[in-house]
Amino acid sequence: MIPILYTTFNRLNFTKQTLPILLENSPEGKVYIYDNGSTDGTPEYLNGLDHDGIACINLLSINRGISAIMNEFFELTKDDEVVAKVDNDTLIPPNWLGDLDFAMRLANLTIVQAKHYFWIPGVKDWNDLIQKSIVQKTDHGNIIAAECVGGSGILIKRQSVNKINAELNIWGWSHFQLEHPEYRYAFFDGVTIELLDMEFYNRHKTGGEKYRKNIGRPEFG
């Protein structure tokens, strides 16, 4: 069974949409739920769940940040070959774990992430990313090499991960990857996830950088 870290912080409406689907579509996994101090009824909802796919539910009294939670999860799962991470804004398709594991083993990857609507500097859409990247075609999709991946819908080789700097909080995961160029990261478009909050996430502009705004369901050409 593959351990899956599922994180929540408020946004109960997202959790009610995504967590049942994650549990239904992850028969090869066991879900470690961490709530980061929610105040919107999320703890009460989580306490009412009863599903064989839940390994544990951890309700924190304060928001400790995602890096601190990931460190604790990595410590709990240090004997597992691979682990996964999914946030509560993420709709996961059937067979996602097996298909990501296929891509990881085929290309000898350290970390692989599902295809999703995203923003990367200098890349305008998914086809543009494929044109600008090293692509390995498979019967199941394309494996697209990247400098780093992160966020949600990812599979990680556990032995390659040490504790990340919790003081960096949400950016700790990206910093960790950039400090380890010997690891191999890639996106895999054989698995597509939907991120429910990408419209909000991509709404702002900073430092003259252009962000795209998603309207409705993500589309990939």
N, C-alpha and C. Protein backbone atom coordinates (compact mmCIF):
# COMPACT_ATOMS: atom_id res chain seq x y z
N MET A 1 0.84 -1.20 0.00
CA MET A 1 0.00 0.00 0.00
C MET A 1 0.88 1.25 0.00
N ILE A 2 0.56 2.21 -0.86
CA ILE A 2 1.34 3.44 -0.98
C ILE A 2 0.77 4.50 -0.04
N PRO A 3 1.57 5.06 0.86
CA PRO A 3 1.08 6.14 1.72
C PRO A 3 0.81 7.40 0.90
N ILE A 4 -0.32 8.05 1.18
CA ILE A 4 -0.71 9.28 0.48
C ILE A 4 -0.95 10.36 1.52
N LEU A 5 -0.22 11.46 1.42
CA LEU A 5 -0.43 12.61 2.29
C LEU A 5 -1.54 13.48 1.70
N TYR A 6 -2.59 13.71 2.48
CA TYR A 6 -3.71 14.56 2.06
C TYR A 6 -3.83 15.68 3.07
N THR A 7 -3.63 16.91 2.61
CA THR A 7 -3.60 18.05 3.52
C THR A 7 -4.84 18.93 3.36
N THR A 8 -5.31 19.47 4.48
CA THR A 8 -6.44 20.38 4.44
C THR A 8 -6.17 21.60 5.30
N PHE A 9 -6.73 22.72 4.89
CA PHE A 9 -6.79 23.92 5.72
C PHE A 9 -8.01 24.71 5.25
N ASN A 10 -9.09 24.59 6.05
CA ASN A 10 -10.38 25.19 5.68
C ASN A 10 -10.82 24.68 4.30
N ARG A 11 -11.55 25.46 3.54
CA ARG A 11 -12.06 25.05 2.23
C ARG A 11 -12.80 23.70 2.32
N LEU A 12 -13.69 23.59 3.31
CA LEU A 12 -14.42 22.35 3.53
C LEU A 12 -15.15 21.89 2.28
N ASN A 13 -15.65 22.84 1.49
CA ASN A 13 -16.35 22.46 0.26
C ASN A 13 -15.44 21.70 -0.69
N PHE A 14 -14.16 22.07 -0.76
CA PHE A 14 -13.21 21.32 -1.58
C PHE A 14 -12.99 19.92 -1.02
N THR A 15 -12.79 19.82 0.29
CA THR A 15 -12.53 18.52 0.92
C THR A 15 -13.69 17.56 0.68
N LYS A 16 -14.91 18.06 0.77
CA LYS A 16 -16.07 17.19 0.56
C LYS A 16 -16.15 16.70 -0.88
N GLN A 17 -15.58 17.46 -1.81
CA GLN A 17 -15.56 17.02 -3.21
C GLN A 17 -14.43 16.05 -3.50
N THR A 18 -13.24 16.36 -2.96
CA THR A 18 -12.04 15.64 -3.41
C THR A 18 -11.68 14.41 -2.58
N LEU A 19 -11.93 14.44 -1.28
CA LEU A 19 -11.49 13.33 -0.44
C LEU A 19 -12.24 12.03 -0.75
N PRO A 20 -13.57 12.03 -0.88
CA PRO A 20 -14.24 10.77 -1.26
C PRO A 20 -13.74 10.20 -2.58
N ILE A 21 -13.45 11.08 -3.55
CA ILE A 21 -12.94 10.60 -4.84
C ILE A 21 -11.54 10.02 -4.68
N LEU A 22 -10.70 10.68 -3.87
CA LEU A 22 -9.36 10.16 -3.62
C LEU A 22 -9.42 8.77 -3.00
N LEU A 23 -10.28 8.59 -2.01
CA LEU A 23 -10.39 7.29 -1.35
C LEU A 23 -10.93 6.23 -2.30
N GLU A 24 -11.89 6.60 -3.13
CA GLU A 24 -12.47 5.66 -4.08
C GLU A 24 -11.46 5.26 -5.16
N ASN A 25 -10.64 6.21 -5.60
CA ASN A 25 -9.74 5.96 -6.72
C ASN A 25 -8.33 5.55 -6.31
N SER A 26 -8.13 5.23 -5.04
CA SER A 26 -6.79 4.87 -4.56
C SER A 26 -6.79 3.54 -3.82
N PRO A 27 -7.25 2.46 -4.46
CA PRO A 27 -7.27 1.17 -3.75
C PRO A 27 -5.88 0.66 -3.40
N GLU A 28 -4.84 1.17 -4.11
CA GLU A 28 -3.46 0.75 -3.81
C GLU A 28 -2.83 1.60 -2.72
N GLY A 29 -3.58 2.55 -2.16
CA GLY A 29 -3.00 3.50 -1.22
C GLY A 29 -3.66 3.49 0.14
N LYS A 30 -2.99 4.15 1.08
CA LYS A 30 -3.55 4.41 2.41
C LYS A 30 -3.33 5.90 2.68
N VAL A 31 -4.38 6.59 3.09
CA VAL A 31 -4.39 8.05 3.14
C VAL A 31 -4.11 8.55 4.55
N TYR A 32 -3.09 9.39 4.66
CA TYR A 32 -2.75 10.07 5.91
C TYR A 32 -3.31 11.49 5.81
N ILE A 33 -4.33 11.79 6.59
CA ILE A 33 -5.00 13.08 6.51
C ILE A 33 -4.44 14.00 7.59
N TYR A 34 -3.98 15.18 7.18
CA TYR A 34 -3.51 16.21 8.10
C TYR A 34 -4.35 17.46 7.91
N ASP A 35 -5.04 17.89 8.97
CA ASP A 35 -5.73 19.17 8.93
C ASP A 35 -4.90 20.21 9.67
N ASN A 36 -4.65 21.33 9.00
CA ASN A 36 -3.71 22.33 9.50
C ASN A 36 -4.41 23.43 10.31
N GLY A 37 -5.26 23.02 11.26
CA GLY A 37 -5.90 23.99 12.13
C GLY A 37 -7.13 24.66 11.54
N SER A 38 -7.93 23.92 10.77
CA SER A 38 -9.12 24.50 10.15
C SER A 38 -10.14 24.95 11.20
N THR A 39 -10.91 25.97 10.83
CA THR A 39 -11.93 26.51 11.74
C THR A 39 -13.30 26.58 11.09
N ASP A 40 -13.47 25.86 9.97
CA ASP A 40 -14.71 25.96 9.19
C ASP A 40 -15.56 24.69 9.24
N GLY A 41 -15.31 23.82 10.22
CA GLY A 41 -16.04 22.57 10.30
C GLY A 41 -15.32 21.38 9.71
N THR A 42 -14.14 21.60 9.13
CA THR A 42 -13.37 20.50 8.54
C THR A 42 -13.03 19.42 9.57
N PRO A 43 -12.54 19.76 10.78
CA PRO A 43 -12.23 18.69 11.76
C PRO A 43 -13.44 17.81 12.07
N GLU A 44 -14.60 18.42 12.22
CA GLU A 44 -15.81 17.65 12.53
C GLU A 44 -16.17 16.71 11.37
N TYR A 45 -16.01 17.21 10.14
CA TYR A 45 -16.28 16.38 8.97
C TYR A 45 -15.32 15.20 8.91
N LEU A 46 -14.04 15.47 9.13
CA LEU A 46 -13.05 14.40 9.06
C LEU A 46 -13.28 13.36 10.14
N ASN A 47 -13.64 13.80 11.34
CA ASN A 47 -13.88 12.86 12.43
C ASN A 47 -15.06 11.93 12.16
N GLY A 48 -15.95 12.36 11.27
CA GLY A 48 -17.10 11.53 10.95
C GLY A 48 -16.85 10.52 9.85
N LEU A 49 -15.65 10.50 9.29
CA LEU A 49 -15.35 9.58 8.19
C LEU A 49 -15.02 8.18 8.70
N ASP A 50 -15.43 7.20 7.93
CA ASP A 50 -15.12 5.80 8.23
C ASP A 50 -14.84 5.09 6.91
N HIS A 51 -13.55 4.88 6.63
CA HIS A 51 -13.16 4.27 5.35
C HIS A 51 -11.90 3.47 5.55
N ASP A 52 -11.87 2.28 4.96
CA ASP A 52 -10.71 1.40 5.11
C ASP A 52 -9.44 2.01 4.55
N GLY A 53 -9.56 2.96 3.62
CA GLY A 53 -8.38 3.54 2.99
C GLY A 53 -7.71 4.63 3.80
N ILE A 54 -8.28 4.99 4.96
CA ILE A 54 -7.69 6.03 5.81
C ILE A 54 -6.74 5.40 6.82
N ALA A 55 -5.47 5.78 6.75
CA ALA A 55 -4.48 5.27 7.70
C ALA A 55 -4.58 6.00 9.03
N CYS A 56 -4.74 7.33 8.99
CA CYS A 56 -4.87 8.13 10.20
C CYS A 56 -5.41 9.50 9.86
N ILE A 57 -5.98 10.16 10.86
CA ILE A 57 -6.45 11.54 10.74
C ILE A 57 -5.79 12.35 11.84
N ASN A 58 -5.00 13.35 11.44
CA ASN A 58 -4.29 14.20 12.39
C ASN A 58 -4.87 15.60 12.35
N LEU A 59 -5.47 16.02 13.46
CA LEU A 59 -6.09 17.33 13.55
C LEU A 59 -5.19 18.24 14.37
N LEU A 60 -4.56 19.22 13.70
CA LEU A 60 -3.65 20.13 14.38
C LEU A 60 -4.41 21.33 14.94
N SER A 61 -3.96 21.83 16.07
CA SER A 61 -4.65 22.95 16.71
C SER A 61 -4.29 24.28 16.07
N ILE A 62 -3.13 24.35 15.40
CA ILE A 62 -2.70 25.56 14.71
C ILE A 62 -2.16 25.19 13.34
N ASN A 63 -2.05 26.19 12.47
CA ASN A 63 -1.50 25.97 11.15
C ASN A 63 0.03 25.92 11.24
N ARG A 64 0.61 24.74 11.04
CA ARG A 64 2.05 24.56 11.15
C ARG A 64 2.76 24.74 9.83
N GLY A 65 2.04 24.94 8.74
CA GLY A 65 2.67 25.08 7.43
C GLY A 65 2.85 23.72 6.78
N ILE A 66 2.86 23.71 5.46
CA ILE A 66 2.91 22.45 4.72
C ILE A 66 4.24 21.73 4.88
N SER A 67 5.35 22.47 4.99
CA SER A 67 6.66 21.82 5.09
C SER A 67 6.77 21.01 6.38
N ALA A 68 6.28 21.55 7.50
CA ALA A 68 6.33 20.82 8.77
C ALA A 68 5.51 19.55 8.70
N ILE A 69 4.35 19.61 8.06
CA ILE A 69 3.51 18.42 7.91
C ILE A 69 4.20 17.39 7.03
N MET A 70 4.80 17.85 5.93
CA MET A 70 5.49 16.92 5.04
C MET A 70 6.64 16.24 5.76
N ASN A 71 7.38 16.97 6.58
CA ASN A 71 8.47 16.37 7.34
C ASN A 71 7.96 15.26 8.25
N GLU A 72 6.85 15.50 8.93
CA GLU A 72 6.30 14.48 9.82
C GLU A 72 5.83 13.26 9.03
N PHE A 73 5.20 13.51 7.89
CA PHE A 73 4.75 12.42 7.03
C PHE A 73 5.92 11.60 6.51
N PHE A 74 6.99 12.28 6.07
CA PHE A 74 8.17 11.57 5.59
C PHE A 74 8.78 10.71 6.69
N GLU A 75 8.76 11.19 7.92
CA GLU A 75 9.30 10.41 9.03
C GLU A 75 8.43 9.17 9.29
N LEU A 76 7.12 9.34 9.24
CA LEU A 76 6.21 8.22 9.47
C LEU A 76 6.35 7.14 8.40
N THR A 77 6.72 7.54 7.19
CA THR A 77 6.73 6.61 6.06
C THR A 77 8.15 6.30 5.59
N LYS A 78 9.11 6.42 6.48
CA LYS A 78 10.51 6.27 6.07
C LYS A 78 10.84 4.87 5.59
N ASP A 79 10.02 3.89 5.89
CA ASP A 79 10.29 2.52 5.45
C ASP A 79 9.56 2.16 4.16
N ASP A 80 8.80 3.10 3.60
CA ASP A 80 8.08 2.83 2.35
C ASP A 80 8.92 3.23 1.15
N GLU A 81 8.78 2.48 0.06
CA GLU A 81 9.57 2.75 -1.15
C GLU A 81 9.14 4.04 -1.81
N VAL A 82 7.84 4.25 -1.96
CA VAL A 82 7.32 5.47 -2.56
C VAL A 82 6.17 6.01 -1.73
N VAL A 83 5.95 7.32 -1.80
CA VAL A 83 4.81 7.96 -1.14
C VAL A 83 4.19 8.93 -2.14
N ALA A 84 2.99 9.39 -1.83
CA ALA A 84 2.29 10.32 -2.71
C ALA A 84 1.76 11.50 -1.90
N LYS A 85 1.45 12.59 -2.60
CA LYS A 85 0.90 13.78 -1.95
C LYS A 85 -0.23 14.35 -2.81
N VAL A 86 -1.36 14.62 -2.12
CA VAL A 86 -2.53 15.19 -2.77
C VAL A 86 -3.10 16.25 -1.84
N ASP A 87 -3.42 17.44 -2.38
CA ASP A 87 -4.04 18.49 -1.58
C ASP A 87 -5.56 18.42 -1.69
N ASN A 88 -6.24 19.17 -0.84
CA ASN A 88 -7.70 19.06 -0.82
C ASN A 88 -8.38 19.87 -1.92
N ASP A 89 -7.59 20.42 -2.85
CA ASP A 89 -8.19 21.08 -4.02
C ASP A 89 -8.11 20.21 -5.26
N THR A 90 -7.72 18.93 -5.11
CA THR A 90 -7.32 18.12 -6.25
C THR A 90 -8.27 16.96 -6.50
N LEU A 91 -8.83 16.91 -7.72
CA LEU A 91 -9.65 15.79 -8.15
C LEU A 91 -8.76 14.76 -8.84
N ILE A 92 -8.72 13.56 -8.30
CA ILE A 92 -7.83 12.50 -8.76
C ILE A 92 -8.59 11.50 -9.61
N PRO A 93 -8.07 11.11 -10.79
CA PRO A 93 -8.77 10.16 -11.65
C PRO A 93 -8.51 8.71 -11.22
N PRO A 94 -9.29 7.77 -11.71
CA PRO A 94 -9.01 6.35 -11.45
C PRO A 94 -7.63 5.96 -11.98
N ASN A 95 -7.02 4.99 -11.32
CA ASN A 95 -5.74 4.39 -11.76
C ASN A 95 -4.57 5.35 -11.69
N TRP A 96 -4.72 6.47 -11.00
CA TRP A 96 -3.67 7.49 -11.01
C TRP A 96 -2.38 6.98 -10.35
N LEU A 97 -2.50 6.24 -9.25
CA LEU A 97 -1.30 5.77 -8.57
C LEU A 97 -0.53 4.77 -9.42
N GLY A 98 -1.24 3.81 -9.98
CA GLY A 98 -0.57 2.82 -10.81
C GLY A 98 0.07 3.41 -12.04
N ASP A 99 -0.61 4.39 -12.65
CA ASP A 99 -0.07 5.01 -13.87
C ASP A 99 1.14 5.90 -13.57
N LEU A 100 1.11 6.64 -12.45
CA LEU A 100 2.29 7.43 -12.07
C LEU A 100 3.45 6.52 -11.70
N ASP A 101 3.16 5.40 -11.05
CA ASP A 101 4.21 4.45 -10.70
C ASP A 101 4.83 3.85 -11.96
N PHE A 102 4.00 3.59 -12.97
CA PHE A 102 4.50 3.11 -14.27
C PHE A 102 5.50 4.09 -14.86
N ALA A 103 5.14 5.38 -14.88
CA ALA A 103 6.02 6.39 -15.45
C ALA A 103 7.30 6.52 -14.64
N MET A 104 7.18 6.48 -13.32
CA MET A 104 8.36 6.60 -12.46
C MET A 104 9.36 5.49 -12.73
N ARG A 105 8.87 4.26 -12.83
CA ARG A 105 9.77 3.11 -13.02
C ARG A 105 10.33 3.08 -14.44
N LEU A 106 9.51 3.44 -15.41
CA LEU A 106 9.96 3.42 -16.80
C LEU A 106 11.11 4.38 -17.04
N ALA A 107 11.01 5.60 -16.48
CA ALA A 107 12.01 6.63 -16.72
C ALA A 107 12.99 6.78 -15.56
N ASN A 108 12.89 5.90 -14.56
CA ASN A 108 13.77 5.97 -13.38
C ASN A 108 13.74 7.36 -12.76
N LEU A 109 12.54 7.81 -12.46
CA LEU A 109 12.33 9.15 -11.91
C LEU A 109 12.38 9.12 -10.38
N THR A 110 12.75 10.25 -9.81
CA THR A 110 12.70 10.42 -8.37
C THR A 110 11.31 10.88 -7.95
N ILE A 111 10.76 11.83 -8.70
CA ILE A 111 9.44 12.36 -8.41
C ILE A 111 8.71 12.58 -9.74
N VAL A 112 7.44 12.20 -9.79
CA VAL A 112 6.63 12.39 -10.99
C VAL A 112 5.30 13.01 -10.58
N GLN A 113 4.84 13.97 -11.37
CA GLN A 113 3.60 14.67 -11.08
C GLN A 113 2.65 14.56 -12.26
N ALA A 114 1.35 14.49 -11.94
CA ALA A 114 0.32 14.39 -12.96
C ALA A 114 0.21 15.68 -13.76
N LYS A 115 -0.33 15.56 -14.96
CA LYS A 115 -0.61 16.71 -15.81
C LYS A 115 -1.75 17.52 -15.20
N HIS A 116 -1.61 18.86 -15.21
CA HIS A 116 -2.63 19.71 -14.64
C HIS A 116 -2.49 21.13 -15.19
N TYR A 117 -3.48 21.94 -14.94
CA TYR A 117 -3.40 23.35 -15.32
C TYR A 117 -2.40 24.02 -14.38
N PHE A 118 -1.44 24.74 -14.92
CA PHE A 118 -0.33 25.22 -14.11
C PHE A 118 0.22 26.50 -14.71
N TRP A 119 1.12 27.11 -13.98
CA TRP A 119 1.86 28.25 -14.50
C TRP A 119 3.35 28.02 -14.25
N ILE A 120 4.15 28.11 -15.30
CA ILE A 120 5.59 27.98 -15.21
C ILE A 120 6.20 29.14 -15.99
N PRO A 121 7.24 29.80 -15.46
CA PRO A 121 7.85 30.93 -16.18
C PRO A 121 8.29 30.52 -17.59
N GLY A 122 7.90 31.31 -18.58
CA GLY A 122 8.33 31.08 -19.94
C GLY A 122 7.56 30.01 -20.69
N VAL A 123 6.50 29.47 -20.09
CA VAL A 123 5.71 28.43 -20.73
C VAL A 123 4.26 28.89 -20.81
N LYS A 124 3.68 28.87 -22.00
CA LYS A 124 2.33 29.42 -22.15
C LYS A 124 1.24 28.36 -22.03
N ASP A 125 1.54 27.10 -22.33
CA ASP A 125 0.54 26.04 -22.18
C ASP A 125 1.25 24.69 -22.22
N TRP A 126 0.47 23.62 -22.14
CA TRP A 126 1.06 22.28 -22.06
C TRP A 126 1.85 21.93 -23.32
N ASN A 127 1.31 22.23 -24.48
CA ASN A 127 2.03 21.93 -25.73
C ASN A 127 3.34 22.69 -25.81
N ASP A 128 3.35 23.90 -25.33
CA ASP A 128 4.58 24.68 -25.31
C ASP A 128 5.60 24.03 -24.39
N LEU A 129 5.15 23.51 -23.25
CA LEU A 129 6.05 22.80 -22.33
C LEU A 129 6.67 21.59 -23.01
N ILE A 130 5.87 20.84 -23.75
CA ILE A 130 6.39 19.67 -24.45
C ILE A 130 7.45 20.08 -25.48
N GLN A 131 7.20 21.18 -26.21
CA GLN A 131 8.14 21.63 -27.21
C GLN A 131 9.47 22.09 -26.60
N LYS A 132 9.42 22.63 -25.38
CA LYS A 132 10.61 23.19 -24.75
C LYS A 132 11.31 22.20 -23.82
N SER A 133 10.79 21.00 -23.70
CA SER A 133 11.32 20.05 -22.72
C SER A 133 11.82 18.79 -23.40
N ILE A 134 12.51 17.98 -22.60
CA ILE A 134 12.89 16.64 -23.04
C ILE A 134 11.70 15.73 -22.80
N VAL A 135 11.20 15.10 -23.86
CA VAL A 135 9.98 14.32 -23.76
C VAL A 135 10.28 12.86 -24.11
N GLN A 136 9.82 11.97 -23.24
CA GLN A 136 9.93 10.54 -23.52
C GLN A 136 8.52 10.00 -23.73
N LYS A 137 8.22 9.54 -24.92
CA LYS A 137 6.89 9.05 -25.23
C LYS A 137 6.74 7.60 -24.75
N THR A 138 5.53 7.29 -24.24
CA THR A 138 5.22 5.93 -23.81
C THR A 138 3.85 5.56 -24.39
N ASP A 139 3.46 4.30 -24.18
CA ASP A 139 2.14 3.88 -24.62
C ASP A 139 1.04 4.55 -23.81
N HIS A 140 1.40 5.07 -22.63
CA HIS A 140 0.41 5.64 -21.73
C HIS A 140 0.40 7.17 -21.76
N GLY A 141 1.37 7.80 -22.41
CA GLY A 141 1.43 9.25 -22.41
C GLY A 141 2.84 9.74 -22.60
N ASN A 142 3.10 10.98 -22.22
CA ASN A 142 4.42 11.60 -22.35
C ASN A 142 5.01 11.87 -20.98
N ILE A 143 6.28 11.59 -20.83
CA ILE A 143 7.03 11.93 -19.63
C ILE A 143 7.84 13.18 -19.95
N ILE A 144 7.58 14.28 -19.24
CA ILE A 144 8.17 15.58 -19.55
C ILE A 144 9.13 15.98 -18.44
N ALA A 145 10.42 16.00 -18.73
CA ALA A 145 11.42 16.35 -17.73
C ALA A 145 11.23 17.78 -17.27
N ALA A 146 11.52 18.03 -15.98
CA ALA A 146 11.36 19.36 -15.41
C ALA A 146 12.44 19.61 -14.38
N GLU A 147 12.70 20.89 -14.08
CA GLU A 147 13.67 21.21 -13.03
C GLU A 147 13.15 20.79 -11.68
N CYS A 148 11.87 21.00 -11.44
CA CYS A 148 11.25 20.54 -10.19
C CYS A 148 9.75 20.46 -10.41
N VAL A 149 9.09 19.68 -9.59
CA VAL A 149 7.63 19.58 -9.61
C VAL A 149 7.15 19.76 -8.19
N GLY A 150 5.86 19.91 -8.01
CA GLY A 150 5.38 20.06 -6.65
C GLY A 150 3.94 20.46 -6.59
N GLY A 151 3.42 20.49 -5.38
CA GLY A 151 2.02 20.80 -5.19
C GLY A 151 1.25 19.54 -4.95
N SER A 152 0.47 19.11 -5.91
CA SER A 152 -0.46 18.02 -5.68
C SER A 152 -0.42 17.00 -6.80
N GLY A 153 -0.85 15.78 -6.49
CA GLY A 153 -0.86 14.72 -7.48
C GLY A 153 0.53 14.28 -7.85
N ILE A 154 1.37 14.03 -6.83
CA ILE A 154 2.75 13.65 -7.08
C ILE A 154 3.08 12.33 -6.40
N LEU A 155 4.01 11.60 -6.99
CA LEU A 155 4.55 10.34 -6.45
C LEU A 155 6.04 10.54 -6.23
N ILE A 156 6.53 10.12 -5.05
CA ILE A 156 7.89 10.45 -4.62
C ILE A 156 8.61 9.18 -4.17
N LYS A 157 9.84 8.98 -4.63
CA LYS A 157 10.67 7.92 -4.08
C LYS A 157 11.14 8.35 -2.69
N ARG A 158 10.70 7.63 -1.71
CA ARG A 158 10.89 8.06 -0.32
C ARG A 158 12.36 8.16 0.08
N GLN A 159 13.19 7.24 -0.40
CA GLN A 159 14.58 7.23 0.06
C GLN A 159 15.37 8.44 -0.42
N SER A 160 14.83 9.19 -1.38
CA SER A 160 15.54 10.36 -1.90
C SER A 160 15.18 11.63 -1.14
N VAL A 161 14.28 11.54 -0.18
CA VAL A 161 13.76 12.74 0.48
C VAL A 161 14.25 12.81 1.92
N ASN A 162 14.89 13.93 2.26
CA ASN A 162 15.23 14.23 3.64
C ASN A 162 14.30 15.31 4.14
N LYS A 163 14.42 15.69 5.39
CA LYS A 163 13.58 16.76 5.91
C LYS A 163 13.88 18.06 5.18
N ILE A 164 12.82 18.81 4.92
CA ILE A 164 12.97 20.11 4.28
C ILE A 164 12.87 21.21 5.33
N ASN A 165 13.38 22.35 5.01
CA ASN A 165 13.45 23.47 5.95
C ASN A 165 12.05 24.00 6.22
N ALA A 166 11.52 23.71 7.41
CA ALA A 166 10.15 24.11 7.73
C ALA A 166 10.00 25.62 7.78
N GLU A 167 11.08 26.35 8.00
CA GLU A 167 10.99 27.81 8.05
C GLU A 167 10.65 28.40 6.69
N LEU A 168 10.94 27.68 5.62
CA LEU A 168 10.60 28.13 4.28
C LEU A 168 9.12 27.93 3.98
N ASN A 169 8.46 27.14 4.81
CA ASN A 169 7.03 26.87 4.72
C ASN A 169 6.67 26.34 3.33
N ILE A 170 5.73 26.98 2.62
CA ILE A 170 5.19 26.39 1.40
C ILE A 170 6.23 26.25 0.30
N TRP A 171 7.28 27.08 0.33
CA TRP A 171 8.29 27.01 -0.72
C TRP A 171 9.38 26.00 -0.42
N GLY A 172 9.32 25.37 0.74
CA GLY A 172 10.37 24.43 1.12
C GLY A 172 10.54 23.28 0.15
N TRP A 173 9.44 22.80 -0.41
CA TRP A 173 9.52 21.66 -1.31
C TRP A 173 10.27 22.02 -2.58
N SER A 174 9.99 23.17 -3.16
CA SER A 174 10.69 23.60 -4.37
C SER A 174 12.17 23.83 -4.09
N HIS A 175 12.48 24.45 -2.96
CA HIS A 175 13.88 24.68 -2.61
C HIS A 175 14.61 23.36 -2.47
N PHE A 176 13.97 22.38 -1.85
CA PHE A 176 14.59 21.08 -1.66
C PHE A 176 14.98 20.47 -3.01
N GLN A 177 14.07 20.53 -3.97
CA GLN A 177 14.35 19.93 -5.26
C GLN A 177 15.47 20.66 -6.00
N LEU A 178 15.43 21.98 -5.96
CA LEU A 178 16.45 22.75 -6.66
C LEU A 178 17.84 22.53 -6.08
N GLU A 179 17.91 22.17 -4.81
CA GLU A 179 19.20 21.91 -4.17
C GLU A 179 19.71 20.50 -4.45
N HIS A 180 18.92 19.69 -5.17
CA HIS A 180 19.32 18.31 -5.47
C HIS A 180 19.19 18.02 -6.96
N PRO A 181 20.09 18.56 -7.78
CA PRO A 181 20.01 18.35 -9.23
C PRO A 181 20.26 16.91 -9.65
N GLU A 182 20.76 16.09 -8.72
CA GLU A 182 21.00 14.69 -9.07
C GLU A 182 19.70 13.89 -9.16
N TYR A 183 18.62 14.42 -8.61
CA TYR A 183 17.34 13.74 -8.70
C TYR A 183 16.67 14.06 -10.03
N ARG A 184 15.77 13.16 -10.47
CA ARG A 184 15.09 13.34 -11.76
C ARG A 184 13.60 13.59 -11.52
N TYR A 185 13.11 14.73 -12.05
CA TYR A 185 11.73 15.12 -11.88
C TYR A 185 11.04 15.16 -13.24
N ALA A 186 9.74 14.88 -13.25
CA ALA A 186 9.02 14.93 -14.52
C ALA A 186 7.52 15.03 -14.27
N PHE A 187 6.84 15.63 -15.26
CA PHE A 187 5.38 15.55 -15.35
C PHE A 187 5.03 14.34 -16.22
N PHE A 188 3.83 13.79 -16.00
CA PHE A 188 3.37 12.66 -16.82
C PHE A 188 1.94 12.96 -17.27
N ASP A 189 1.75 13.09 -18.60
CA ASP A 189 0.42 13.45 -19.06
C ASP A 189 -0.47 12.24 -19.30
N GLY A 190 -0.03 11.07 -18.86
CA GLY A 190 -0.90 9.90 -18.84
C GLY A 190 -1.90 9.96 -17.70
N VAL A 191 -1.67 10.87 -16.75
CA VAL A 191 -2.60 11.10 -15.64
C VAL A 191 -2.92 12.59 -15.60
N THR A 192 -4.18 12.95 -15.66
CA THR A 192 -4.60 14.35 -15.61
C THR A 192 -5.40 14.60 -14.34
N ILE A 193 -5.00 15.59 -13.56
CA ILE A 193 -5.75 15.97 -12.38
C ILE A 193 -6.37 17.36 -12.59
N GLU A 194 -7.42 17.63 -11.84
CA GLU A 194 -8.05 18.95 -11.90
C GLU A 194 -7.85 19.64 -10.56
N LEU A 195 -7.32 20.86 -10.58
CA LEU A 195 -7.12 21.65 -9.37
C LEU A 195 -8.24 22.67 -9.27
N LEU A 196 -9.04 22.56 -8.23
CA LEU A 196 -10.26 23.35 -8.14
C LEU A 196 -10.00 24.83 -7.90
N ASP A 197 -8.84 25.17 -7.33
CA ASP A 197 -8.61 26.57 -6.95
C ASP A 197 -7.65 27.31 -7.87
N MET A 198 -7.40 26.79 -9.07
CA MET A 198 -6.39 27.42 -9.91
C MET A 198 -6.79 28.80 -10.40
N GLU A 199 -8.09 29.07 -10.50
CA GLU A 199 -8.50 30.40 -10.94
C GLU A 199 -8.02 31.44 -9.92
N PHE A 200 -8.19 31.15 -8.63
CA PHE A 200 -7.72 32.07 -7.59
C PHE A 200 -6.19 32.10 -7.58
N TYR A 201 -5.56 30.96 -7.70
CA TYR A 201 -4.11 30.87 -7.58
C TYR A 201 -3.40 31.67 -8.66
N ASN A 202 -3.97 31.73 -9.83
CA ASN A 202 -3.31 32.39 -10.95
C ASN A 202 -3.83 33.81 -11.20
N ARG A 203 -4.50 34.37 -10.23
CA ARG A 203 -5.19 35.63 -10.50
C ARG A 203 -4.27 36.85 -10.43
N HIS A 204 -3.22 36.80 -9.63
CA HIS A 204 -2.43 37.98 -9.36
C HIS A 204 -1.19 38.07 -10.26
N LYS A 205 -0.65 39.26 -10.36
CA LYS A 205 0.60 39.49 -11.08
C LYS A 205 1.63 40.03 -10.10
N THR A 206 2.86 39.55 -10.20
CA THR A 206 3.93 40.06 -9.35
C THR A 206 5.19 40.22 -10.18
N GLY A 207 5.93 41.29 -9.96
CA GLY A 207 7.22 41.48 -10.60
C GLY A 207 7.17 41.50 -12.10
N GLY A 208 6.03 41.91 -12.68
CA GLY A 208 5.93 41.97 -14.13
C GLY A 208 5.70 40.63 -14.80
N GLU A 209 5.58 39.57 -14.02
CA GLU A 209 5.35 38.25 -14.60
C GLU A 209 3.88 38.08 -14.95
N LYS A 210 3.61 37.42 -16.05
CA LYS A 210 2.24 37.25 -16.52
C LYS A 210 1.66 35.93 -16.00
N TYR A 211 0.50 36.03 -15.39
CA TYR A 211 -0.21 34.85 -14.92
C TYR A 211 -1.44 34.65 -15.80
N ARG A 212 -1.77 33.41 -16.04
CA ARG A 212 -2.96 33.09 -16.80
C ARG A 212 -4.11 32.82 -15.84
N LYS A 213 -5.29 33.22 -16.24
CA LYS A 213 -6.46 32.99 -15.40
C LYS A 213 -7.30 31.88 -16.03
N ASN A 214 -7.58 30.85 -15.26
CA ASN A 214 -8.38 29.74 -15.75
C ASN A 214 -9.86 30.03 -15.52
N ILE A 215 -10.66 29.85 -16.53
CA ILE A 215 -12.10 30.00 -16.42
C ILE A 215 -12.73 28.62 -16.58
N GLY A 216 -13.36 28.14 -15.53
CA GLY A 216 -14.02 26.84 -15.60
C GLY A 216 -13.04 25.70 -15.56
N ARG A 217 -13.40 24.60 -16.16
CA ARG A 217 -12.60 23.37 -16.12
C ARG A 217 -11.34 23.54 -16.97
N PRO A 218 -10.18 23.09 -16.46
CA PRO A 218 -8.94 23.19 -17.26
C PRO A 218 -9.04 22.42 -18.57
N GLU A 219 -8.50 22.97 -19.62
CA GLU A 219 -8.48 22.33 -20.93
C GLU A 219 -7.05 22.18 -21.39
N PHE A 220 -6.75 21.06 -22.01
CA PHE A 220 -5.42 20.83 -22.56
C PHE A 220 -5.55 20.49 -24.02
N GLY A 221 -4.83 21.22 -24.88
CA GLY A 221 -4.88 20.97 -26.30
C GLY A 221 -3.82 20.02 -26.76
